[in-house]
Amino acid sequence: MLKKTSFPIAKIHVPVKRVKSLDPEKVLELAESMLENGQTTPIRVRKDGDRFVLIEGFHRLEALRSLGEEEVVGYLVGARLH
């Protein structure tokens, strides 16, 4: 069972492939929703040394960043070994 945890936004690394998929309109819509309702869906990250790597929730992360938030609620998941 995954446990919700707060993560510092500054310590979350977004892979380059994800950055290219940013939709500014979606970020704006999510930011407006978060102002009214807060963050309703946690992001997912994995540990990578002293930082975290984003797995899911790029637009939610960017919406919180645009609102000036310093932390994001998420789940810490284990890396899958192939």
PDB file of N, CA and C in Angstrom:
ATOM      1  N   MET A   1       0.845  -1.187   0.000  1.00  0.00           N
ATOM      2  CA  MET A   1       0.000   0.000   0.000  1.00  0.00           C
ATOM      3  C   MET A   1       0.883   1.240   0.000  1.00  0.00           C
ATOM      4  N   LEU A   2       0.622   2.120  -0.930  1.00  0.00           N
ATOM      5  CA  LEU A   2       1.393   3.353  -1.021  1.00  0.00           C
ATOM      6  C   LEU A   2       0.892   4.371  -0.008  1.00  0.00           C
ATOM      7  N   LYS A   3       1.821   5.132   0.549  1.00  0.00           N
ATOM      8  CA  LYS A   3       1.495   6.133   1.549  1.00  0.00           C
ATOM      9  C   LYS A   3       1.761   7.524   0.987  1.00  0.00           C
ATOM     10  N   LYS A   4       0.794   8.415   1.133  1.00  0.00           N
ATOM     11  CA  LYS A   4       0.971   9.795   0.671  1.00  0.00           C
ATOM     12  C   LYS A   4       2.037  10.484   1.508  1.00  0.00           C
ATOM     13  N   THR A   5       2.920  11.193   0.828  1.00  0.00           N
ATOM     14  CA  THR A   5       4.015  11.909   1.468  1.00  0.00           C
ATOM     15  C   THR A   5       4.178  13.254   0.784  1.00  0.00           C
ATOM     16  N   SER A   6       4.699  14.233   1.502  1.00  0.00           N
ATOM     17  CA  SER A   6       5.014  15.526   0.895  1.00  0.00           C
ATOM     18  C   SER A   6       6.462  15.518   0.434  1.00  0.00           C
ATOM     19  N   PHE A   7       6.681  16.019  -0.776  1.00  0.00           N
ATOM     20  CA  PHE A   7       8.021  16.089  -1.351  1.00  0.00           C
ATOM     21  C   PHE A   7       8.333  17.536  -1.711  1.00  0.00           C
ATOM     22  N   PRO A   8       9.579  17.972  -1.495  1.00  0.00           N
ATOM     23  CA  PRO A   8       9.957  19.326  -1.912  1.00  0.00           C
ATOM     24  C   PRO A   8      10.023  19.388  -3.439  1.00  0.00           C
ATOM     25  N   ILE A   9       9.307  20.321  -4.023  1.00  0.00           N
ATOM     26  CA  ILE A   9       9.258  20.454  -5.475  1.00  0.00           C
ATOM     27  C   ILE A   9      10.659  20.666  -6.046  1.00  0.00           C
ATOM     28  N   ALA A  10      11.500  21.396  -5.347  1.00  0.00           N
ATOM     29  CA  ALA A  10      12.848  21.684  -5.834  1.00  0.00           C
ATOM     30  C   ALA A  10      13.707  20.427  -5.979  1.00  0.00           C
ATOM     31  N   LYS A  11      13.348  19.350  -5.301  1.00  0.00           N
ATOM     32  CA  LYS A  11      14.140  18.114  -5.356  1.00  0.00           C
ATOM     33  C   LYS A  11      13.580  17.103  -6.349  1.00  0.00           C
ATOM     34  N   ILE A  12      12.583  17.510  -7.139  1.00  0.00           N
ATOM     35  CA  ILE A  12      11.991  16.585  -8.109  1.00  0.00           C
ATOM     36  C   ILE A  12      12.546  16.885  -9.494  1.00  0.00           C
ATOM     37  N   HIS A  13      13.160  15.870 -10.079  1.00  0.00           N
ATOM     38  CA  HIS A  13      13.722  15.970 -11.427  1.00  0.00           C
ATOM     39  C   HIS A  13      12.685  15.480 -12.434  1.00  0.00           C
ATOM     40  N   VAL A  14      12.474  16.262 -13.480  1.00  0.00           N
ATOM     41  CA  VAL A  14      11.541  15.882 -14.538  1.00  0.00           C
ATOM     42  C   VAL A  14      12.364  15.432 -15.739  1.00  0.00           C
ATOM     43  N   PRO A  15      12.200  14.174 -16.188  1.00  0.00           N
ATOM     44  CA  PRO A  15      12.943  13.693 -17.354  1.00  0.00           C
ATOM     45  C   PRO A  15      12.673  14.557 -18.590  1.00  0.00           C
ATOM     46  N   VAL A  16      13.683  14.700 -19.446  1.00  0.00           N
ATOM     47  CA  VAL A  16      13.603  15.551 -20.630  1.00  0.00           C
ATOM     48  C   VAL A  16      12.407  15.196 -21.507  1.00  0.00           C
ATOM     49  N   LYS A  17      12.136  13.909 -21.669  1.00  0.00           N
ATOM     50  CA  LYS A  17      10.993  13.494 -22.498  1.00  0.00           C
ATOM     51  C   LYS A  17       9.685  14.086 -21.980  1.00  0.00           C
ATOM     52  N   ARG A  18       9.551  14.169 -20.665  1.00  0.00           N
ATOM     53  CA  ARG A  18       8.336  14.732 -20.066  1.00  0.00           C
ATOM     54  C   ARG A  18       8.234  16.231 -20.317  1.00  0.00           C
ATOM     55  N   VAL A  19       9.343  16.924 -20.210  1.00  0.00           N
ATOM     56  CA  VAL A  19       9.351  18.382 -20.366  1.00  0.00           C
ATOM     57  C   VAL A  19       8.794  18.777 -21.733  1.00  0.00           C
ATOM     58  N   LYS A  20       9.104  17.981 -22.744  1.00  0.00           N
ATOM     59  CA  LYS A  20       8.643  18.268 -24.101  1.00  0.00           C
ATOM     60  C   LYS A  20       7.132  18.139 -24.243  1.00  0.00           C
ATOM     61  N   SER A  21       6.489  17.422 -23.329  1.00  0.00           N
ATOM     62  CA  SER A  21       5.044  17.185 -23.432  1.00  0.00           C
ATOM     63  C   SER A  21       4.208  18.218 -22.664  1.00  0.00           C
ATOM     64  N   LEU A  22       4.831  19.277 -22.162  1.00  0.00           N
ATOM     65  CA  LEU A  22       4.118  20.273 -21.360  1.00  0.00           C
ATOM     66  C   LEU A  22       3.054  21.002 -22.168  1.00  0.00           C
ATOM     67  N   ASP A  23       1.843  21.042 -21.621  1.00  0.00           N
ATOM     68  CA  ASP A  23       0.724  21.769 -22.229  1.00  0.00           C
ATOM     69  C   ASP A  23       0.373  22.923 -21.284  1.00  0.00           C
ATOM     70  N   PRO A  24       0.805  24.156 -21.606  1.00  0.00           N
ATOM     71  CA  PRO A  24       0.574  25.302 -20.708  1.00  0.00           C
ATOM     72  C   PRO A  24      -0.892  25.529 -20.359  1.00  0.00           C
ATOM     73  N   GLU A  25      -1.804  25.266 -21.286  1.00  0.00           N
ATOM     74  CA  GLU A  25      -3.231  25.440 -21.000  1.00  0.00           C
ATOM     75  C   GLU A  25      -3.704  24.465 -19.927  1.00  0.00           C
ATOM     76  N   LYS A  26      -3.213  23.232 -19.999  1.00  0.00           N
ATOM     77  CA  LYS A  26      -3.581  22.228 -19.003  1.00  0.00           C
ATOM     78  C   LYS A  26      -3.036  22.618 -17.624  1.00  0.00           C
ATOM     79  N   VAL A  27      -1.814  23.161 -17.606  1.00  0.00           N
ATOM     80  CA  VAL A  27      -1.218  23.609 -16.338  1.00  0.00           C
ATOM     81  C   VAL A  27      -2.073  24.716 -15.734  1.00  0.00           C
ATOM     82  N   LEU A  28      -2.507  25.666 -16.549  1.00  0.00           N
ATOM     83  CA  LEU A  28      -3.339  26.774 -16.080  1.00  0.00           C
ATOM     84  C   LEU A  28      -4.668  26.260 -15.524  1.00  0.00           C
ATOM     85  N   GLU A  29      -5.311  25.339 -16.232  1.00  0.00           N
ATOM     86  CA  GLU A  29      -6.577  24.766 -15.767  1.00  0.00           C
ATOM     87  C   GLU A  29      -6.400  24.054 -14.435  1.00  0.00           C
ATOM     88  N   LEU A  30      -5.328  23.261 -14.324  1.00  0.00           N
ATOM     89  CA  LEU A  30      -5.070  22.546 -13.072  1.00  0.00           C
ATOM     90  C   LEU A  30      -4.766  23.516 -11.932  1.00  0.00           C
ATOM     91  N   ALA A  31      -4.011  24.566 -12.216  1.00  0.00           N
ATOM     92  CA  ALA A  31      -3.682  25.558 -11.182  1.00  0.00           C
ATOM     93  C   ALA A  31      -4.951  26.228 -10.658  1.00  0.00           C
ATOM     94  N   GLU A  32      -5.858  26.583 -11.565  1.00  0.00           N
ATOM     95  CA  GLU A  32      -7.123  27.196 -11.143  1.00  0.00           C
ATOM     96  C   GLU A  32      -7.936  26.225 -10.295  1.00  0.00           C
ATOM     97  N   SER A  33      -7.973  24.966 -10.698  1.00  0.00           N
ATOM     98  CA  SER A  33      -8.694  23.949  -9.929  1.00  0.00           C
ATOM     99  C   SER A  33      -8.064  23.762  -8.545  1.00  0.00           C
ATOM    100  N   MET A  34      -6.737  23.764  -8.495  1.00  0.00           N
ATOM    101  CA  MET A  34      -6.035  23.582  -7.224  1.00  0.00           C
ATOM    102  C   MET A  34      -6.248  24.755  -6.281  1.00  0.00           C
ATOM    103  N   LEU A  35      -6.433  25.943  -6.826  1.00  0.00           N
ATOM    104  CA  LEU A  35      -6.742  27.093  -5.974  1.00  0.00           C
ATOM    105  C   LEU A  35      -8.070  26.893  -5.263  1.00  0.00           C
ATOM    106  N   GLU A  36      -9.019  26.280  -5.957  1.00  0.00           N
ATOM    107  CA  GLU A  36     -10.341  26.057  -5.380  1.00  0.00           C
ATOM    108  C   GLU A  36     -10.409  24.799  -4.526  1.00  0.00           C
ATOM    109  N   ASN A  37      -9.785  23.719  -4.994  1.00  0.00           N
ATOM    110  CA  ASN A  37      -9.957  22.406  -4.354  1.00  0.00           C
ATOM    111  C   ASN A  37      -8.708  21.814  -3.731  1.00  0.00           C
ATOM    112  N   GLY A  38      -7.563  22.438  -3.938  1.00  0.00           N
ATOM    113  CA  GLY A  38      -6.314  21.849  -3.472  1.00  0.00           C
ATOM    114  C   GLY A  38      -5.875  20.738  -4.411  1.00  0.00           C
ATOM    115  N   GLN A  39      -4.782  20.102  -4.077  1.00  0.00           N
ATOM    116  CA  GLN A  39      -4.284  18.989  -4.894  1.00  0.00           C
ATOM    117  C   GLN A  39      -5.091  17.745  -4.538  1.00  0.00           C
ATOM    118  N   THR A  40      -5.829  17.220  -5.485  1.00  0.00           N
ATOM    119  CA  THR A  40      -6.689  16.071  -5.204  1.00  0.00           C
ATOM    120  C   THR A  40      -6.060  14.737  -5.586  1.00  0.00           C
ATOM    121  N   THR A  41      -5.115  14.756  -6.527  1.00  0.00           N
ATOM    122  CA  THR A  41      -4.484  13.516  -6.975  1.00  0.00           C
ATOM    123  C   THR A  41      -2.981  13.607  -6.752  1.00  0.00           C
ATOM    124  N   PRO A  42      -2.411  12.673  -5.991  1.00  0.00           N
ATOM    125  CA  PRO A  42      -0.970  12.695  -5.742  1.00  0.00           C
ATOM    126  C   PRO A  42      -0.171  12.367  -7.008  1.00  0.00           C
ATOM    127  N   ILE A  43       1.056  12.869  -7.063  1.00  0.00           N
ATOM    128  CA  ILE A  43       1.968  12.505  -8.139  1.00  0.00           C
ATOM    129  C   ILE A  43       2.685  11.223  -7.722  1.00  0.00           C
ATOM    130  N   ARG A  44       3.514  10.674  -8.607  1.00  0.00           N
ATOM    131  CA  ARG A  44       4.341   9.509  -8.274  1.00  0.00           C
ATOM    132  C   ARG A  44       5.786   9.827  -8.602  1.00  0.00           C
ATOM    133  N   VAL A  45       6.663   9.501  -7.664  1.00  0.00           N
ATOM    134  CA  VAL A  45       8.092   9.722  -7.846  1.00  0.00           C
ATOM    135  C   VAL A  45       8.851   8.488  -7.389  1.00  0.00           C
ATOM    136  N   ARG A  46      10.092   8.401  -7.843  1.00  0.00           N
ATOM    137  CA  ARG A  46      10.997   7.363  -7.342  1.00  0.00           C
ATOM    138  C   ARG A  46      12.256   8.038  -6.831  1.00  0.00           C
ATOM    139  N   LYS A  47      12.916   7.421  -5.888  1.00  0.00           N
ATOM    140  CA  LYS A  47      14.129   7.964  -5.277  1.00  0.00           C
ATOM    141  C   LYS A  47      15.303   7.772  -6.227  1.00  0.00           C
ATOM    142  N   ASP A  48      16.153   8.787  -6.327  1.00  0.00           N
ATOM    143  CA  ASP A  48      17.366   8.722  -7.136  1.00  0.00           C
ATOM    144  C   ASP A  48      18.438   9.523  -6.418  1.00  0.00           C
ATOM    145  N   GLY A  49      19.171   8.880  -5.552  1.00  0.00           N
ATOM    146  CA  GLY A  49      20.184   9.571  -4.749  1.00  0.00           C
ATOM    147  C   GLY A  49      19.529  10.529  -3.779  1.00  0.00           C
ATOM    148  N   ASP A  50      19.893  11.807  -3.868  1.00  0.00           N
ATOM    149  CA  ASP A  50      19.317  12.803  -2.956  1.00  0.00           C
ATOM    150  C   ASP A  50      18.155  13.562  -3.591  1.00  0.00           C
ATOM    151  N   ARG A  51      17.686  13.084  -4.739  1.00  0.00           N
ATOM    152  CA  ARG A  51      16.548  13.719  -5.403  1.00  0.00           C
ATOM    153  C   ARG A  51      15.498  12.668  -5.736  1.00  0.00           C
ATOM    154  N   PHE A  52      14.416  13.131  -6.334  1.00  0.00           N
ATOM    155  CA  PHE A  52      13.342  12.242  -6.767  1.00  0.00           C
ATOM    156  C   PHE A  52      13.129  12.440  -8.260  1.00  0.00           C
ATOM    157  N   VAL A  53      12.758  11.373  -8.947  1.00  0.00           N
ATOM    158  CA  VAL A  53      12.485  11.449 -10.380  1.00  0.00           C
ATOM    159  C   VAL A  53      10.986  11.295 -10.574  1.00  0.00           C
ATOM    160  N   LEU A  54      10.397  12.218 -11.314  1.00  0.00           N
ATOM    161  CA  LEU A  54       8.964  12.182 -11.574  1.00  0.00           C
ATOM    162  C   LEU A  54       8.610  10.997 -12.464  1.00  0.00           C
ATOM    163  N   ILE A  55       7.592  10.263 -12.056  1.00  0.00           N
ATOM    164  CA  ILE A  55       7.085   9.148 -12.855  1.00  0.00           C
ATOM    165  C   ILE A  55       5.737   9.522 -13.456  1.00  0.00           C
ATOM    166  N   GLU A  56       4.899  10.154 -12.651  1.00  0.00           N
ATOM    167  CA  GLU A  56       3.554  10.512 -13.105  1.00  0.00           C
ATOM    168  C   GLU A  56       3.107  11.787 -12.410  1.00  0.00           C
ATOM    169  N   GLY A  57       2.476  12.708 -13.181  1.00  0.00           N
ATOM    170  CA  GLY A  57       1.917  13.915 -12.587  1.00  0.00           C
ATOM    171  C   GLY A  57       2.629  15.199 -12.972  1.00  0.00           C
ATOM    172  N   PHE A  58       3.220  15.234 -14.163  1.00  0.00           N
ATOM    173  CA  PHE A  58       3.991  16.407 -14.593  1.00  0.00           C
ATOM    174  C   PHE A  58       3.161  17.684 -14.584  1.00  0.00           C
ATOM    175  N   HIS A  59       1.954  17.650 -15.121  1.00  0.00           N
ATOM    176  CA  HIS A  59       1.132  18.863 -15.186  1.00  0.00           C
ATOM    177  C   HIS A  59       0.686  19.304 -13.785  1.00  0.00           C
ATOM    178  N   ARG A  60       0.404  18.349 -12.903  1.00  0.00           N
ATOM    179  CA  ARG A  60       0.059  18.701 -11.520  1.00  0.00           C
ATOM    180  C   ARG A  60       1.246  19.370 -10.834  1.00  0.00           C
ATOM    181  N   LEU A  61       2.439  18.811 -11.055  1.00  0.00           N
ATOM    182  CA  LEU A  61       3.656  19.384 -10.470  1.00  0.00           C
ATOM    183  C   LEU A  61       3.872  20.811 -10.961  1.00  0.00           C
ATOM    184  N   GLU A  62       3.731  21.019 -12.265  1.00  0.00           N
ATOM    185  CA  GLU A  62       3.947  22.350 -12.827  1.00  0.00           C
ATOM    186  C   GLU A  62       2.860  23.334 -12.395  1.00  0.00           C
ATOM    187  N   ALA A  63       1.649  22.850 -12.205  1.00  0.00           N
ATOM    188  CA  ALA A  63       0.576  23.722 -11.715  1.00  0.00           C
ATOM    189  C   ALA A  63       0.900  24.214 -10.304  1.00  0.00           C
ATOM    190  N   LEU A  64       1.365  23.311  -9.448  1.00  0.00           N
ATOM    191  CA  LEU A  64       1.734  23.709  -8.085  1.00  0.00           C
ATOM    192  C   LEU A  64       2.932  24.658  -8.101  1.00  0.00           C
ATOM    193  N   ARG A  65       3.888  24.369  -8.970  1.00  0.00           N
ATOM    194  CA  ARG A  65       5.061  25.246  -9.087  1.00  0.00           C
ATOM    195  C   ARG A  65       4.625  26.655  -9.518  1.00  0.00           C
ATOM    196  N   SER A  66       3.679  26.728 -10.455  1.00  0.00           N
ATOM    197  CA  SER A  66       3.203  28.039 -10.939  1.00  0.00           C
ATOM    198  C   SER A  66       2.462  28.813  -9.850  1.00  0.00           C
ATOM    199  N   LEU A  67       1.926  28.096  -8.881  1.00  0.00           N
ATOM    200  CA  LEU A  67       1.223  28.736  -7.766  1.00  0.00           C
ATOM    201  C   LEU A  67       2.181  29.138  -6.636  1.00  0.00           C
ATOM    202  N   GLY A  68       3.458  28.816  -6.814  1.00  0.00           N
ATOM    203  CA  GLY A  68       4.449  29.181  -5.807  1.00  0.00           C
ATOM    204  C   GLY A  68       4.550  28.201  -4.655  1.00  0.00           C
ATOM    205  N   GLU A  69       3.968  27.032  -4.814  1.00  0.00           N
ATOM    206  CA  GLU A  69       4.043  26.017  -3.763  1.00  0.00           C
ATOM    207  C   GLU A  69       5.456  25.453  -3.688  1.00  0.00           C
ATOM    208  N   GLU A  70       5.859  25.030  -2.507  1.00  0.00           N
ATOM    209  CA  GLU A  70       7.190  24.455  -2.322  1.00  0.00           C
ATOM    210  C   GLU A  70       7.151  22.951  -2.143  1.00  0.00           C
ATOM    211  N   GLU A  71       5.954  22.395  -1.867  1.00  0.00           N
ATOM    212  CA  GLU A  71       5.822  20.955  -1.673  1.00  0.00           C
ATOM    213  C   GLU A  71       4.665  20.412  -2.490  1.00  0.00           C
ATOM    214  N   VAL A  72       4.762  19.128  -2.793  1.00  0.00           N
ATOM    215  CA  VAL A  72       3.732  18.432  -3.546  1.00  0.00           C
ATOM    216  C   VAL A  72       3.464  17.108  -2.843  1.00  0.00           C
ATOM    217  N   VAL A  73       2.207  16.702  -2.827  1.00  0.00           N
ATOM    218  CA  VAL A  73       1.840  15.417  -2.234  1.00  0.00           C
ATOM    219  C   VAL A  73       1.990  14.341  -3.293  1.00  0.00           C
ATOM    220  N   GLY A  74       2.621  13.248  -2.906  1.00  0.00           N
ATOM    221  CA  GLY A  74       2.833  12.174  -3.861  1.00  0.00           C
ATOM    222  C   GLY A  74       3.076  10.848  -3.204  1.00  0.00           C
ATOM    223  N   TYR A  75       3.287   9.859  -4.052  1.00  0.00           N
ATOM    224  CA  TYR A  75       3.632   8.502  -3.621  1.00  0.00           C
ATOM    225  C   TYR A  75       5.056   8.214  -4.037  1.00  0.00           C
ATOM    226  N   LEU A  76       5.813   7.614  -3.132  1.00  0.00           N
ATOM    227  CA  LEU A  76       7.157   7.155  -3.446  1.00  0.00           C
ATOM    228  C   LEU A  76       7.032   5.705  -3.891  1.00  0.00           C
ATOM    229  N   VAL A  77       7.428   5.431  -5.118  1.00  0.00           N
ATOM    230  CA  VAL A  77       7.326   4.072  -5.641  1.00  0.00           C
ATOM    231  C   VAL A  77       8.722   3.530  -5.886  1.00  0.00           C
ATOM    232  N   GLY A  78       8.851   2.220  -5.845  1.00  0.00           N
ATOM    233  CA  GLY A  78      10.125   1.584  -6.099  1.00  0.00           C
ATOM    234  C   GLY A  78      10.407   1.517  -7.590  1.00  0.00           C
ATOM    235  N   ALA A  79      11.675   1.583  -7.959  1.00  0.00           N
ATOM    236  CA  ALA A  79      12.033   1.448  -9.373  1.00  0.00           C
ATOM    237  C   ALA A  79      11.836  -0.006  -9.787  1.00  0.00           C
ATOM    238  N   ARG A  80      11.347  -0.180 -10.988  1.00  0.00           N
ATOM    239  CA  ARG A  80      11.144  -1.520 -11.510  1.00  0.00           C
ATOM    240  C   ARG A  80      12.466  -2.041 -12.103  1.00  0.00           C
ATOM    241  N   LEU A  81      12.880  -3.197 -11.686  1.00  0.00           N
ATOM    242  CA  LEU A  81      14.082  -3.795 -12.244  1.00  0.00           C
ATOM    243  C   LEU A  81      13.691  -4.762 -13.346  1.00  0.00           C
ATOM    244  N   HIS A  82      14.315  -4.621 -14.501  1.00  0.00           N
ATOM    245  CA  HIS A  82      13.953  -5.471 -15.652  1.00  0.00           C
ATOM    246  C   HIS A  82      14.883  -6.642 -15.755  1.00  0.00           C
TER     247      HIS A  82
END
